[in-house]
Each structure stands twice: as structure tokens, then as C-alpha cells.
Amino acid sequence: SGFNSIGHMDTMLRGRHHIGHYKEGEEFIQNVFHVLFLLFSGKEKANLSICWLQYEISKVVQCLQTKNKKKLKVQGKKSKKLAKNLLKAPDNRNHLSLWKLYAYLEWLLGNVDDARKVFDTALSTAGTGGMKNLQLCSLSLLYAQLEVELLESLEGAVMSRAVHILTKLAESGPYMPYSGEVLSVNILKARKTYDHALQDYLNKTPVSNQDQVSDSNQLVNLVGCYAVFQYLTVGIDAAVLIYAQVLEKLEVPDPKKCENTGENLGIQNFPTALEAITLLRTNLLRFHMKISVYPLNPLREALTEALKRYPSNQSLWRSYIQIQRKSHNASKARRFFDGVTRSTNSLEPWLFAIQAEQMRKKLIENVQRADVGEIHSTIPETGLTNRIVALFEHAVQSENGTHCPLLWRMYLNFLV
């Protein structure tokens, strides 16, 4: 009974009574964590702590999505208790990734001031590694991103807390909490430092595979910090330019061309970095469109390019569907979905194509059933129904679709 929620139909409707985690299943997972905790030590134990806290955060996010305040309060208490216990362990006191997650948890629960204190404490105790320190860079990036999300416009953003955090990171000195202003001279110095650091990374020769992973993560954090810094101090175009330059440099060239020119490009083993940087770029464009007037085209182009390359990235698909909902012309999106499903084996394009059509159907039905006194218009929207059934049929015939329980459940759910 612990695993019922996985196959429960209600999880698709995402209604008010969204099924969360079943009690028995939850107990089972907690027991697994407790038992494993006694078996591990050192780095493995720290990684397990991170997994555990991430799992707790995912439950808080679920409560936020379903807007269940009562459940959020209870879940928040449990998650905070766990986070504090994990941080009390002697090995974890200087573990920046755990501090980062704890601060993020406080932020999600709406305790912005408490979260800032946690972030500031973590940054103060982290020492002076600056951009060279992967954990410190990652912590500063999340802190700055969360602060940026609080901004209502870019006016006065140069003096914001986010700029202070990113400037301090570039200075590589001891961190001082935000006092309300940022000196222009520090901003200029920081810009120069970021630029040099980025160029050094891009011109680096490849190293062993183990270092490659941390190098790849470090590059993503560095690009993220520099782009947010430019966004707040110069503007959106400056930030987009950084992403464009980095992506161009990281593009994996055609192997044939490489053989012809005799080039050996050092950074071609950064596919994960490429995907992460693409995601950062689309998120920044989406945020900018939310707080100011900006054309939709750059974002649409960035998303279509990215999805052709990473057809199984769910965050990118979600963004794509959201911007397509604003457009009344469905044919462009349909052609795009069709093209992607033909060129890839991954199932995500099918699932999101179906979701997009179902959203459109719901929208049309809502408009048709607009309340006109006692009379409701009940003309069924057969065109879309047939299209959705056809999409399901094609999807379940594909190699991966045949073995995907979620797809079959969605199909049954739709037919019912």
C-alpha cells in the first residue's frame, strides 16, 4: 500500500486533493534513510544527507504547488527539524551544500529574513576561495537568483543585495553582510575579474575525467553568476551576450570538420554544462519578460534551439508550453512537436505535445461553457479530441511509449 500514489489517477488531475506521499510509503522511505545513515561515513554520508534534504524540499515544493497551507506548515516543521539535525553533525558543520539547501528551505517556507541569515552565515564561514571554490560559487549563485526574483523592476537593481553578493564573490575576500549600497568601483573591479575568470576557463586544456565533472559544474556556476551580475548592472542584452559567447565556444563541432582542420577542441566534453547553461539562459529571459516589456521571439528561438538538442529536458518543455499558451496559433507548435518526435526516441516530446493539446481543449471548453444564466453551450470539441487520441496512438506505438505506464494511464484517463 505504500506505493499506491505512484499509480493513482488523481496525480494527473492536480486538483485540490492532489495525492501526496502515502503514510506507509513515507515511513518506508524514512526507514531506508535512517538505516543507510548508520552504514555510511565521510563523503558518502554527506552526499546522503544532501539527498535526504532534497527529498524533504521536494515535499515542501509539492505543498506549495497545491497551495495547501495547513500541510505546508506541518511539512515545513518536519523538514526544518531534519535540516537542523543534519547540520549539527560535526562532519556537516562546514558543508556548504547542506547550508545552501537549508537556506533554500527557509526561503521556500517564506522566512526570507531567516534564509538571508543562513546564507550570510554560510558565506562568512566559507573562507576566501571566491570563484575557485565550487561550493561557494554555487551558494552565491542561488542566493543571488533568489534575491533577483524579489525585484519588481530593474530600477535601482545596481544597488541590490544580489549585486553585493556577486561582487563579494569576485573579490575573494571575507564576506561582509549587505549594508544597503554597493560601491561603483567594486562593481567595475568585479566585472573585470569575472571576465578574466571566464576567459581562463574557456581556454583551459582538458583534464582527467574526474576533474572534468567539477570543472563543468564550476563553469556553469561561473557563467550563471557573471550573467546575473551583468543583467543587474548593465541589462538583459549584456547577460544574453555572455550566454551566447559561452554556448558558441562550447558547441561540439562536427567531427569531420575537426579532422579537416586538425583542431582539437578541449571543451567538447561539456555536454552537461551546455544543457545547464541553456537552461539558465531561458530562465533569465522568462524572468525578464515577467518584470518588463521584452519581445517573445528571443525566448521562443532559444527554446526551440535548445529542445532540438535536448529533447528530454522537462524544464525546457514546460517553459515552451507556457509561452505557446499565449499564442492563438497552434500550428507552429504542432509542427515543432512533430519534427522533434520524428528525430528522437525520448518520450518527453510526446507527453508534452499531449499535455499542450489537453490544455488547449480545456481552454476552449471553458470558453464555450461560459456562464450565460441557466443555459450552457455543450458543443463538444471533437477536432481536438481526435487529435489527442491520434497523438496517444502514435506515442504508445513508439518503442519507449509501449513500455511507459504513465503514458497508458494518461490515455485511459483521457478516454474515460
Protein backbone atom coordinates (compact mmCIF):
# COMPACT_ATOMS: atom_id res chain seq x y z
CA SER A 1 0.00 0.00 0.00
CA GLY A 2 2.98 2.29 0.44
CA PHE A 3 3.39 2.80 -3.27
CA ASN A 4 -0.22 3.39 -4.29
CA SER A 5 0.34 7.05 -5.00
CA ILE A 6 2.57 6.25 -7.96
CA GLY A 7 -0.31 4.69 -9.86
CA HIS A 8 -3.10 6.85 -8.50
CA MET A 9 -5.18 8.60 -11.16
CA ASP A 10 -5.63 11.71 -9.04
CA THR A 11 -1.99 12.60 -9.50
CA MET A 12 -2.80 13.56 -13.10
CA LEU A 13 -5.60 15.96 -12.37
CA ARG A 14 -3.52 18.06 -9.98
CA GLY A 15 -6.79 19.14 -8.40
CA ARG A 16 -7.34 20.49 -4.90
CA HIS A 17 -6.94 16.99 -3.47
CA HIS A 18 -3.63 16.23 -5.08
CA ILE A 19 -2.39 12.95 -3.64
CA GLY A 20 0.95 13.50 -1.96
CA HIS A 21 3.02 10.85 -0.23
CA TYR A 22 1.22 7.91 1.31
CA LYS A 23 1.81 7.41 5.00
CA GLU A 24 3.18 3.84 4.70
CA GLY A 25 5.37 4.70 1.72
CA GLU A 26 6.68 7.74 3.56
CA GLU A 27 7.55 5.61 6.63
CA PHE A 28 9.36 3.13 4.38
CA ILE A 29 11.48 5.86 2.76
CA GLN A 30 12.33 7.43 6.14
CA ASN A 31 13.39 3.99 7.46
CA VAL A 32 15.65 3.49 4.43
CA PHE A 33 17.37 6.82 5.10
CA HIS A 34 17.79 6.05 8.82
CA VAL A 35 19.28 2.61 8.14
CA LEU A 36 21.63 3.83 5.42
CA PHE A 37 22.76 6.69 7.60
CA LEU A 38 24.38 4.28 10.04
CA LEU A 39 26.25 2.47 7.27
CA PHE A 40 27.99 5.42 5.65
CA SER A 41 30.71 7.79 6.75
CA GLY A 42 32.67 10.73 5.38
CA LYS A 43 31.84 11.94 1.89
CA GLU A 44 29.18 9.29 1.22
CA LYS A 45 27.33 10.28 4.38
CA ALA A 46 27.44 13.94 3.35
CA ASN A 47 26.02 13.04 -0.07
CA LEU A 48 23.26 11.01 1.57
CA SER A 49 22.43 13.99 3.81
CA ILE A 50 22.08 16.15 0.69
CA CYS A 51 19.75 13.57 -0.94
CA TRP A 52 17.64 13.38 2.18
CA LEU A 53 17.26 17.13 2.47
CA GLN A 54 16.49 17.46 -1.25
CA TYR A 55 13.73 14.89 -0.80
CA GLU A 56 12.28 16.91 2.08
CA ILE A 57 12.42 20.08 -0.04
CA SER A 58 10.57 18.31 -2.87
CA LYS A 59 7.68 17.65 -0.44
CA VAL A 60 7.61 21.32 0.57
CA VAL A 61 7.52 22.31 -3.11
CA GLN A 62 4.60 19.91 -3.62
CA CYS A 63 2.65 21.56 -0.77
CA LEU A 64 3.38 24.97 -2.32
CA GLN A 65 2.10 23.81 -5.73
CA THR A 66 -1.16 22.50 -4.30
CA LYS A 67 -1.50 25.66 -2.12
CA ASN A 68 -2.21 23.54 0.95
CA LYS A 69 -1.21 25.90 3.78
CA LYS A 70 -2.05 23.57 6.63
CA LYS A 71 0.01 20.74 5.16
CA LEU A 72 2.83 23.17 4.29
CA LYS A 73 3.12 24.26 7.92
CA VAL A 74 3.37 20.67 9.19
CA GLN A 75 5.78 19.62 6.43
CA GLY A 76 7.90 22.76 6.93
CA LYS A 77 8.35 21.96 10.64
CA LYS A 78 9.43 18.38 9.88
CA SER A 79 11.83 19.39 7.12
CA LYS A 80 13.43 22.15 9.21
CA LYS A 81 13.91 19.79 12.13
CA LEU A 82 15.71 17.31 9.87
CA ALA A 83 17.88 20.06 8.30
CA LYS A 84 18.97 21.31 11.73
CA ASN A 85 19.78 17.80 12.93
CA LEU A 86 21.85 17.10 9.83
CA LEU A 87 23.78 20.35 10.25
CA LYS A 88 24.52 19.58 13.91
CA ALA A 89 26.61 16.57 12.88
CA PRO A 90 30.30 17.51 13.31
CA ASP A 91 31.21 16.49 9.73
CA ASN A 92 28.49 18.65 8.23
CA ARG A 93 29.12 21.94 10.01
CA ASN A 94 31.29 23.26 7.19
CA HIS A 95 29.40 21.51 4.41
CA LEU A 96 28.28 24.40 2.20
CA SER A 97 25.91 22.34 0.04
CA LEU A 98 23.85 21.46 3.12
CA TRP A 99 23.80 25.05 4.32
CA LYS A 100 22.65 26.06 0.86
CA LEU A 101 19.74 23.60 0.95
CA TYR A 102 18.75 24.66 4.46
CA ALA A 103 18.70 28.33 3.44
CA TYR A 104 16.66 27.44 0.35
CA LEU A 105 14.18 25.53 2.52
CA GLU A 106 13.70 28.59 4.77
CA TRP A 107 13.21 30.75 1.67
CA LEU A 108 10.57 28.39 0.25
CA LEU A 109 8.70 28.46 3.56
CA GLY A 110 8.52 32.27 3.25
CA ASN A 111 11.05 33.05 6.01
CA VAL A 112 13.15 35.37 3.83
CA ASP A 113 14.98 37.08 6.71
CA ASP A 114 15.89 33.77 8.33
CA ALA A 115 17.06 32.43 4.98
CA ARG A 116 19.27 35.50 4.49
CA LYS A 117 20.83 34.96 7.90
CA VAL A 118 21.63 31.34 7.00
CA PHE A 119 23.09 32.36 3.64
CA ASP A 120 25.16 35.14 5.23
CA THR A 121 26.44 32.83 7.96
CA ALA A 122 27.41 30.19 5.42
CA LEU A 123 29.19 32.73 3.20
CA SER A 124 31.03 34.25 6.19
CA THR A 125 32.33 30.88 7.39
CA ALA A 126 33.21 29.64 3.90
CA GLY A 127 36.57 31.38 3.78
CA THR A 128 38.07 33.25 0.86
CA GLY A 129 38.11 30.82 -2.03
CA GLY A 130 36.00 33.09 -4.24
CA MET A 131 35.24 31.76 -7.70
CA LYS A 132 37.77 28.95 -7.37
CA ASN A 133 35.59 27.32 -4.70
CA LEU A 134 32.83 25.31 -6.38
CA GLN A 135 30.51 25.16 -3.34
CA LEU A 136 30.92 28.85 -2.58
CA CYS A 137 30.19 29.79 -6.18
CA SER A 138 27.08 27.61 -6.24
CA LEU A 139 25.84 29.05 -2.92
CA SER A 140 26.34 32.65 -4.10
CA LEU A 141 24.54 31.93 -7.37
CA LEU A 142 21.43 30.54 -5.65
CA TYR A 143 21.38 33.41 -3.12
CA ALA A 144 21.68 35.99 -5.90
CA GLN A 145 18.99 34.27 -8.03
CA LEU A 146 16.53 34.21 -5.13
CA GLU A 147 17.20 37.89 -4.39
CA VAL A 148 16.69 38.80 -8.06
CA GLU A 149 13.30 37.08 -8.02
CA LEU A 150 12.17 39.54 -5.35
CA LEU A 151 12.86 42.52 -7.63
CA GLU A 152 9.82 44.13 -9.20
CA SER A 153 11.79 46.06 -11.80
CA LEU A 154 15.40 46.69 -12.78
CA GLU A 155 15.37 50.26 -11.43
CA GLY A 156 17.96 50.57 -8.69
CA ALA A 157 18.99 46.94 -9.18
CA VAL A 158 22.66 48.03 -9.27
CA MET A 159 22.45 48.72 -5.54
CA SER A 160 20.61 45.49 -4.73
CA ARG A 161 21.66 42.73 -2.35
CA ALA A 162 22.20 40.38 -5.31
CA VAL A 163 24.89 42.67 -6.78
CA HIS A 164 26.56 42.86 -3.36
CA ILE A 165 26.70 39.04 -3.12
CA LEU A 166 28.17 38.64 -6.61
CA THR A 167 30.66 41.47 -6.10
CA LYS A 168 31.89 39.92 -2.86
CA LEU A 169 32.32 36.58 -4.61
CA ALA A 170 34.55 38.19 -7.22
CA GLU A 171 36.66 39.94 -4.57
CA SER A 172 37.60 36.56 -2.99
CA GLY A 173 37.91 38.26 0.39
CA PRO A 174 35.99 37.60 3.61
CA TYR A 175 32.23 38.06 3.13
CA MET A 176 30.54 41.06 4.75
CA PRO A 177 26.73 41.14 5.03
CA TYR A 178 24.85 43.66 2.84
CA SER A 179 24.78 47.19 4.25
CA GLY A 180 22.44 48.82 1.74
CA GLU A 181 24.77 50.02 -1.01
CA VAL A 182 27.42 48.77 -3.41
CA LEU A 183 30.37 50.91 -4.50
CA SER A 184 30.67 51.57 -8.24
CA VAL A 185 34.42 50.96 -8.16
CA ASN A 186 33.80 47.47 -6.70
CA ILE A 187 31.34 46.71 -9.48
CA LEU A 188 33.91 47.67 -12.13
CA LYS A 189 36.60 45.53 -10.49
CA ALA A 190 34.21 42.59 -10.17
CA ARG A 191 33.24 42.80 -13.85
CA LYS A 192 36.90 42.63 -14.86
CA THR A 193 37.51 39.68 -12.51
CA TYR A 194 34.51 37.75 -13.89
CA ASP A 195 35.59 38.39 -17.46
CA HIS A 196 39.15 37.15 -16.85
CA ALA A 197 37.96 34.09 -14.91
CA LEU A 198 35.55 33.13 -17.69
CA GLN A 199 38.18 33.51 -20.42
CA ASP A 200 40.61 31.38 -18.39
CA TYR A 201 38.03 28.63 -18.09
CA LEU A 202 37.15 28.65 -21.76
CA ASN A 203 40.80 28.50 -22.84
CA LYS A 204 41.69 25.73 -20.40
CA THR A 205 43.07 22.48 -21.79
CA PRO A 206 41.09 19.34 -20.98
CA VAL A 207 41.99 17.39 -17.84
CA SER A 208 41.17 13.95 -16.44
CA ASN A 209 37.54 12.83 -16.35
CA GLN A 210 37.17 13.25 -12.60
CA ASP A 211 38.26 16.89 -12.73
CA GLN A 212 36.16 17.38 -15.82
CA VAL A 213 32.91 16.94 -13.88
CA SER A 214 33.83 19.53 -11.24
CA ASP A 215 35.21 21.81 -13.96
CA SER A 216 31.97 21.51 -15.84
CA ASN A 217 29.91 22.39 -12.72
CA GLN A 218 32.25 25.23 -11.90
CA LEU A 219 31.87 26.68 -15.39
CA VAL A 220 28.06 26.61 -15.10
CA ASN A 221 28.15 28.43 -11.74
CA LEU A 222 30.64 30.98 -13.01
CA VAL A 223 28.62 31.74 -16.16
CA GLY A 224 25.44 31.95 -14.05
CA CYS A 225 26.99 34.42 -11.58
CA TYR A 226 28.55 36.58 -14.32
CA ALA A 227 25.32 36.69 -16.36
CA VAL A 228 23.16 37.68 -13.36
CA PHE A 229 25.77 40.28 -12.42
CA GLN A 230 25.70 41.76 -15.94
CA TYR A 231 21.90 41.59 -16.02
CA LEU A 232 21.62 43.70 -12.86
CA THR A 233 24.42 46.16 -13.61
CA VAL A 234 24.14 46.59 -17.42
CA GLY A 235 20.94 44.95 -18.67
CA ILE A 236 19.40 41.90 -20.32
CA ASP A 237 21.35 42.23 -23.59
CA ALA A 238 24.70 42.06 -21.78
CA ALA A 239 23.61 38.90 -19.95
CA VAL A 240 22.31 37.23 -23.11
CA LEU A 241 25.60 38.08 -24.84
CA ILE A 242 27.59 36.14 -22.22
CA TYR A 243 25.39 33.08 -22.67
CA ALA A 244 25.70 33.34 -26.45
CA GLN A 245 29.52 33.57 -26.29
CA VAL A 246 29.85 30.63 -23.92
CA LEU A 247 27.42 28.42 -25.82
CA GLU A 248 29.19 29.18 -29.08
CA LYS A 249 32.51 28.25 -27.53
CA LEU A 250 31.12 25.03 -26.02
CA GLU A 251 29.26 23.87 -29.12
CA VAL A 252 30.51 20.45 -30.10
CA PRO A 253 31.78 20.87 -33.66
CA ASP A 254 31.17 18.38 -36.41
CA PRO A 255 33.89 15.66 -36.04
CA LYS A 256 34.54 15.73 -39.80
CA LYS A 257 35.34 19.42 -39.70
CA CYS A 258 37.71 18.85 -36.81
CA GLU A 259 39.62 16.22 -38.78
CA ASN A 260 39.94 18.56 -41.74
CA THR A 261 41.30 21.47 -39.78
CA GLY A 262 43.33 19.34 -37.41
CA GLU A 263 41.83 21.15 -34.42
CA ASN A 264 41.45 19.53 -31.07
CA LEU A 265 38.78 21.37 -29.17
CA GLY A 266 39.39 20.97 -25.48
CA ILE A 267 35.93 21.71 -24.21
CA GLN A 268 33.88 19.29 -26.18
CA ASN A 269 33.28 17.03 -23.20
CA PHE A 270 31.00 19.53 -21.52
CA PRO A 271 27.57 18.37 -22.72
CA THR A 272 26.02 18.67 -19.25
CA ALA A 273 27.42 22.19 -18.89
CA LEU A 274 25.89 23.13 -22.23
CA GLU A 275 22.46 21.94 -21.16
CA ALA A 276 22.66 23.66 -17.76
CA ILE A 277 23.78 26.96 -19.30
CA THR A 278 20.97 26.77 -21.88
CA LEU A 279 18.51 26.33 -19.02
CA LEU A 280 19.95 29.33 -17.16
CA ARG A 281 19.56 31.46 -20.27
CA THR A 282 15.90 30.55 -20.87
CA ASN A 283 15.06 31.06 -17.18
CA LEU A 284 16.60 34.53 -17.21
CA LEU A 285 14.71 35.51 -20.36
CA ARG A 286 11.45 34.25 -18.85
CA PHE A 287 12.04 36.21 -15.65
CA HIS A 288 12.90 39.37 -17.57
CA MET A 289 9.68 39.11 -19.58
CA LYS A 290 7.77 38.87 -16.33
CA ILE A 291 9.11 42.13 -14.89
CA SER A 292 9.47 44.26 -18.05
CA VAL A 293 8.40 44.61 -21.65
CA TYR A 294 10.51 42.42 -23.90
CA PRO A 295 9.78 40.62 -27.18
CA LEU A 296 8.85 36.94 -27.04
CA ASN A 297 10.92 35.93 -30.04
CA PRO A 298 14.39 35.62 -28.40
CA LEU A 299 12.93 33.27 -25.79
CA ARG A 300 10.99 31.24 -28.34
CA GLU A 301 14.06 30.86 -30.55
CA ALA A 302 16.27 29.92 -27.59
CA LEU A 303 13.77 27.27 -26.51
CA THR A 304 13.25 25.72 -29.93
CA GLU A 305 17.02 25.54 -30.48
CA ALA A 306 17.57 24.02 -27.05
CA LEU A 307 14.78 21.46 -27.37
CA LYS A 308 16.06 20.16 -30.69
CA ARG A 309 19.30 19.43 -28.89
CA TYR A 310 17.91 18.26 -25.53
CA PRO A 311 14.53 16.72 -26.34
CA SER A 312 14.23 15.06 -22.94
CA ASN A 313 14.70 18.18 -20.79
CA GLN A 314 11.42 18.61 -18.91
CA SER A 315 12.08 22.14 -17.63
CA LEU A 316 12.63 23.39 -21.18
CA TRP A 317 9.43 21.72 -22.40
CA ARG A 318 7.48 23.23 -19.53
CA SER A 319 8.70 26.71 -20.47
CA TYR A 320 7.91 26.05 -24.12
CA ILE A 321 4.32 25.03 -23.36
CA GLN A 322 3.81 28.07 -21.15
CA ILE A 323 4.90 30.52 -23.85
CA GLN A 324 2.91 28.67 -26.52
CA ARG A 325 -0.25 29.05 -24.47
CA LYS A 326 -0.05 32.78 -25.05
CA SER A 327 -0.21 32.32 -28.81
CA HIS A 328 -3.51 31.64 -30.58
CA ASN A 329 -1.79 29.96 -33.48
CA ALA A 330 -1.30 26.30 -32.62
CA SER A 331 0.07 25.15 -35.96
CA LYS A 332 3.64 26.37 -35.36
CA ALA A 333 3.90 24.48 -32.07
CA ARG A 334 2.33 21.37 -33.64
CA ARG A 335 4.85 21.38 -36.47
CA PHE A 336 7.67 21.76 -33.97
CA PHE A 337 6.43 18.87 -31.78
CA ASP A 338 6.03 16.75 -34.90
CA GLY A 339 9.60 17.48 -36.02
CA VAL A 340 11.09 16.69 -32.61
CA THR A 341 9.16 13.44 -32.12
CA ARG A 342 10.40 12.20 -35.51
CA SER A 343 14.04 12.91 -34.74
CA THR A 344 14.30 11.45 -31.23
CA ASN A 345 13.40 8.31 -29.27
CA SER A 346 12.74 10.12 -26.00
CA LEU A 347 9.19 10.16 -24.71
CA GLU A 348 9.07 13.68 -23.29
CA PRO A 349 8.14 15.37 -26.60
CA TRP A 350 5.10 13.06 -26.90
CA LEU A 351 4.00 13.62 -23.32
CA PHE A 352 4.31 17.39 -23.58
CA ALA A 353 2.63 17.51 -27.02
CA ILE A 354 -0.33 15.67 -25.49
CA GLN A 355 -0.34 17.99 -22.47
CA ALA A 356 -0.31 21.08 -24.70
CA GLU A 357 -3.34 19.82 -26.67
CA GLN A 358 -5.19 18.91 -23.49
CA MET A 359 -4.61 22.42 -22.13
CA ARG A 360 -5.94 23.86 -25.39
CA LYS A 361 -9.02 21.61 -25.19
CA LYS A 362 -9.68 22.67 -21.61
CA LEU A 363 -9.36 26.34 -22.55
CA ILE A 364 -11.81 26.01 -25.45
CA GLU A 365 -14.31 24.11 -23.32
CA ASN A 366 -14.12 26.77 -20.61
CA VAL A 367 -14.83 29.49 -23.17
CA GLN A 368 -17.72 27.53 -24.69
CA ARG A 369 -19.24 26.82 -21.32
CA ALA A 370 -19.05 30.47 -20.24
CA ASP A 371 -21.93 31.06 -17.86
CA VAL A 372 -24.94 32.53 -19.66
CA GLY A 373 -27.61 32.29 -17.00
CA GLU A 374 -29.03 28.77 -16.95
CA ILE A 375 -28.01 27.82 -20.46
CA HIS A 376 -24.66 26.16 -21.12
CA SER A 377 -23.31 25.64 -24.59
CA THR A 378 -22.38 21.97 -24.82
CA ILE A 379 -20.98 21.59 -28.32
CA PRO A 380 -18.18 19.05 -27.89
CA GLU A 381 -14.75 19.96 -29.32
CA THR A 382 -14.30 16.82 -31.42
CA GLY A 383 -11.40 18.08 -33.56
CA LEU A 384 -9.06 18.36 -30.59
CA THR A 385 -10.29 15.11 -29.07
CA ASN A 386 -9.42 13.24 -32.25
CA ARG A 387 -6.03 14.94 -32.42
CA ILE A 388 -5.22 13.96 -28.82
CA VAL A 389 -6.30 10.34 -29.42
CA ALA A 390 -4.09 10.25 -32.53
CA LEU A 391 -1.13 11.58 -30.51
CA PHE A 392 -1.69 8.90 -27.86
CA GLU A 393 -1.92 6.21 -30.55
CA HIS A 394 1.37 7.28 -32.13
CA ALA A 395 3.06 7.64 -28.74
CA VAL A 396 2.13 4.18 -27.46
CA GLN A 397 3.36 2.66 -30.73
CA SER A 398 6.82 4.17 -30.30
CA GLU A 399 9.47 1.91 -28.80
CA ASN A 400 9.67 3.67 -25.43
CA GLY A 401 5.99 4.54 -25.30
CA THR A 402 4.88 0.91 -25.34
CA HIS A 403 6.66 0.37 -22.00
CA CYS A 404 5.63 3.61 -20.29
CA PRO A 405 2.95 3.07 -17.61
CA LEU A 406 2.36 6.82 -17.27
CA LEU A 407 1.51 7.14 -20.95
CA TRP A 408 -1.01 4.26 -20.84
CA ARG A 409 -2.59 5.67 -17.68
CA MET A 410 -2.92 9.10 -19.26
CA TYR A 411 -4.52 7.53 -22.32
CA LEU A 412 -7.03 5.55 -20.24
CA ASN A 413 -7.71 8.63 -18.13
CA PHE A 414 -8.41 10.71 -21.24
CA LEU A 415 -10.72 8.11 -22.78
CA VAL A 416 -12.70 7.82 -19.55
